[in-house]
Amino acid sequence: MSGFARVQFKKGETIFSAGDLADKLYVVEKGAIQLLDPRFSQPFAKVAQGEPFGEQCFLSQGVRSATAIALEDAECIAISGEGFRKLLASQPPLMTSLFEALLLQLHMHNTLRSGA
């Protein structure tokens, strides 16, 4: 499917840094990812199998608010913001509303975990 790709990261590899342009959402298939608060360079969340991270890509002019580093060798599905918006455009409006509600919930959850 266009806009969806399987990507691999080596242990210790930086996936993205705080301040980067947000262009992809990731879902962990294997391994674990650490999210770091840029203010203190301290971990605030561990993202494991089946969990998403990087939701800023769906916000208008999204910018990364955290740094993501592979805690171990990891495999993720990378979903481009543009590809997903195209997919949603072909769905009933209810799907867009549902997705936006889930996105807001994920964003609020991550904000609370980071202590921002």
Protein backbone atom coordinates (compact mmCIF):
# COMPACT_ATOMS: atom_id res chain seq x y z
CA MET A 1 0.00 0.00 0.00
CA SER A 2 1.37 3.42 -0.94
CA GLY A 3 2.59 5.41 2.04
CA PHE A 4 3.26 2.31 4.20
CA ALA A 5 6.76 0.81 4.47
CA ARG A 6 8.53 -1.66 6.74
CA VAL A 7 11.70 -0.14 8.20
CA GLN A 8 14.45 -1.53 10.43
CA PHE A 9 16.52 0.24 13.05
CA LYS A 10 19.66 -0.95 14.82
CA LYS A 11 20.04 -0.74 18.59
CA GLY A 12 21.00 2.84 19.50
CA GLU A 13 19.95 4.28 16.15
CA THR A 14 18.14 7.64 16.24
CA ILE A 15 14.84 7.39 14.38
CA PHE A 16 14.07 11.09 14.66
CA SER A 17 15.09 14.03 16.83
CA ALA A 18 13.07 16.71 18.59
CA GLY A 19 12.58 19.63 16.23
CA ASP A 20 12.65 17.51 13.05
CA LEU A 21 9.82 17.89 10.57
CA ALA A 22 7.29 15.14 11.37
CA ASP A 23 6.51 13.16 8.23
CA LYS A 24 5.79 9.60 9.43
CA LEU A 25 3.91 7.72 12.12
CA TYR A 26 5.51 4.45 13.22
CA VAL A 27 4.05 1.26 14.65
CA VAL A 28 6.48 -1.09 16.39
CA GLU A 29 6.34 -4.63 15.04
CA LYS A 30 9.42 -5.97 16.81
CA GLY A 31 11.80 -4.53 19.39
CA ALA A 32 11.38 -1.40 21.51
CA ILE A 33 11.79 2.34 21.07
CA GLN A 34 12.74 4.90 23.74
CA LEU A 35 11.27 8.42 23.63
CA LEU A 36 13.43 11.16 25.13
CA ASP A 37 12.37 14.56 26.44
CA PRO A 38 14.57 17.12 24.62
CA ARG A 39 14.64 19.51 27.58
CA PHE A 40 16.44 17.07 29.86
CA SER A 41 17.58 14.30 27.47
CA GLN A 42 15.71 11.94 29.78
CA PRO A 43 13.58 8.97 28.70
CA PHE A 44 9.87 9.36 29.33
CA ALA A 45 8.39 6.41 27.46
CA LYS A 46 9.20 3.00 26.09
CA VAL A 47 7.21 2.03 23.00
CA ALA A 48 6.80 -1.73 22.51
CA GLN A 49 5.34 -4.15 19.98
CA GLY A 50 1.99 -3.02 18.58
CA GLU A 51 2.31 0.55 19.86
CA PRO A 52 2.46 3.68 17.69
CA PHE A 53 4.69 6.73 18.04
CA GLY A 54 5.34 9.84 15.97
CA GLU A 55 1.73 11.04 15.73
CA GLN A 56 2.91 14.62 15.13
CA CYS A 57 3.05 13.80 11.40
CA PHE A 58 -0.73 14.11 11.22
CA LEU A 59 -0.82 17.58 12.70
CA SER A 60 -0.60 20.62 10.46
CA GLN A 61 3.09 21.48 10.08
CA GLY A 62 3.93 18.88 12.71
CA VAL A 63 7.33 19.08 14.36
CA ARG A 64 8.80 16.32 16.51
CA SER A 65 8.48 17.09 20.21
CA ALA A 66 10.69 14.20 21.34
CA THR A 67 13.65 12.15 20.18
CA ALA A 68 13.09 8.46 19.35
CA ILE A 69 15.92 5.94 19.68
CA ALA A 70 15.87 2.17 19.13
CA LEU A 71 16.47 0.43 22.48
CA GLU A 72 17.24 -2.77 20.60
CA ASP A 73 17.12 -3.88 16.99
CA ALA A 74 13.61 -2.94 15.90
CA GLU A 75 11.22 -3.32 13.00
CA CYS A 76 8.47 -0.80 12.45
CA ILE A 77 5.82 0.05 9.93
CA ALA A 78 6.35 3.63 8.80
CA ILE A 79 3.19 5.38 7.63
CA SER A 80 3.61 8.66 5.79
CA GLY A 81 1.22 11.42 6.82
CA GLU A 82 0.38 12.10 3.18
CA GLY A 83 -0.24 8.42 2.38
CA PHE A 84 -2.54 8.02 5.35
CA ARG A 85 -4.48 11.21 4.56
CA LYS A 86 -5.07 9.85 1.03
CA LEU A 87 -6.30 6.56 2.50
CA LEU A 88 -8.66 8.39 4.89
CA ALA A 89 -10.02 10.53 2.05
CA SER A 90 -11.43 7.38 0.44
CA GLN A 91 -13.22 6.33 3.65
CA PRO A 92 -16.54 7.44 5.14
CA PRO A 93 -16.31 10.72 7.14
CA LEU A 94 -16.87 8.76 10.35
CA MET A 95 -13.46 7.11 9.90
CA THR A 96 -11.75 10.50 9.74
CA SER A 97 -13.52 11.65 12.91
CA LEU A 98 -12.62 8.42 14.68
CA PHE A 99 -8.99 8.67 13.62
CA GLU A 100 -8.76 12.31 14.73
CA ALA A 101 -10.18 11.39 18.15
CA LEU A 102 -7.64 8.56 18.54
CA LEU A 103 -4.83 10.85 17.39
CA LEU A 104 -5.80 13.47 19.97
CA GLN A 105 -5.91 10.82 22.69
CA LEU A 106 -2.45 9.51 21.73
CA HIS A 107 -1.02 13.02 21.61
CA MET A 108 -2.46 13.89 25.04
CA HIS A 109 -1.18 10.59 26.49
CA ASN A 110 2.34 11.24 25.18
CA THR A 111 2.27 14.82 26.45
CA LEU A 112 1.32 13.61 29.92
CA ARG A 113 4.06 10.95 29.89
CA SER A 114 6.66 13.54 28.98
CA GLY A 115 5.56 15.87 31.78
CA ALA A 116 5.23 18.79 29.34
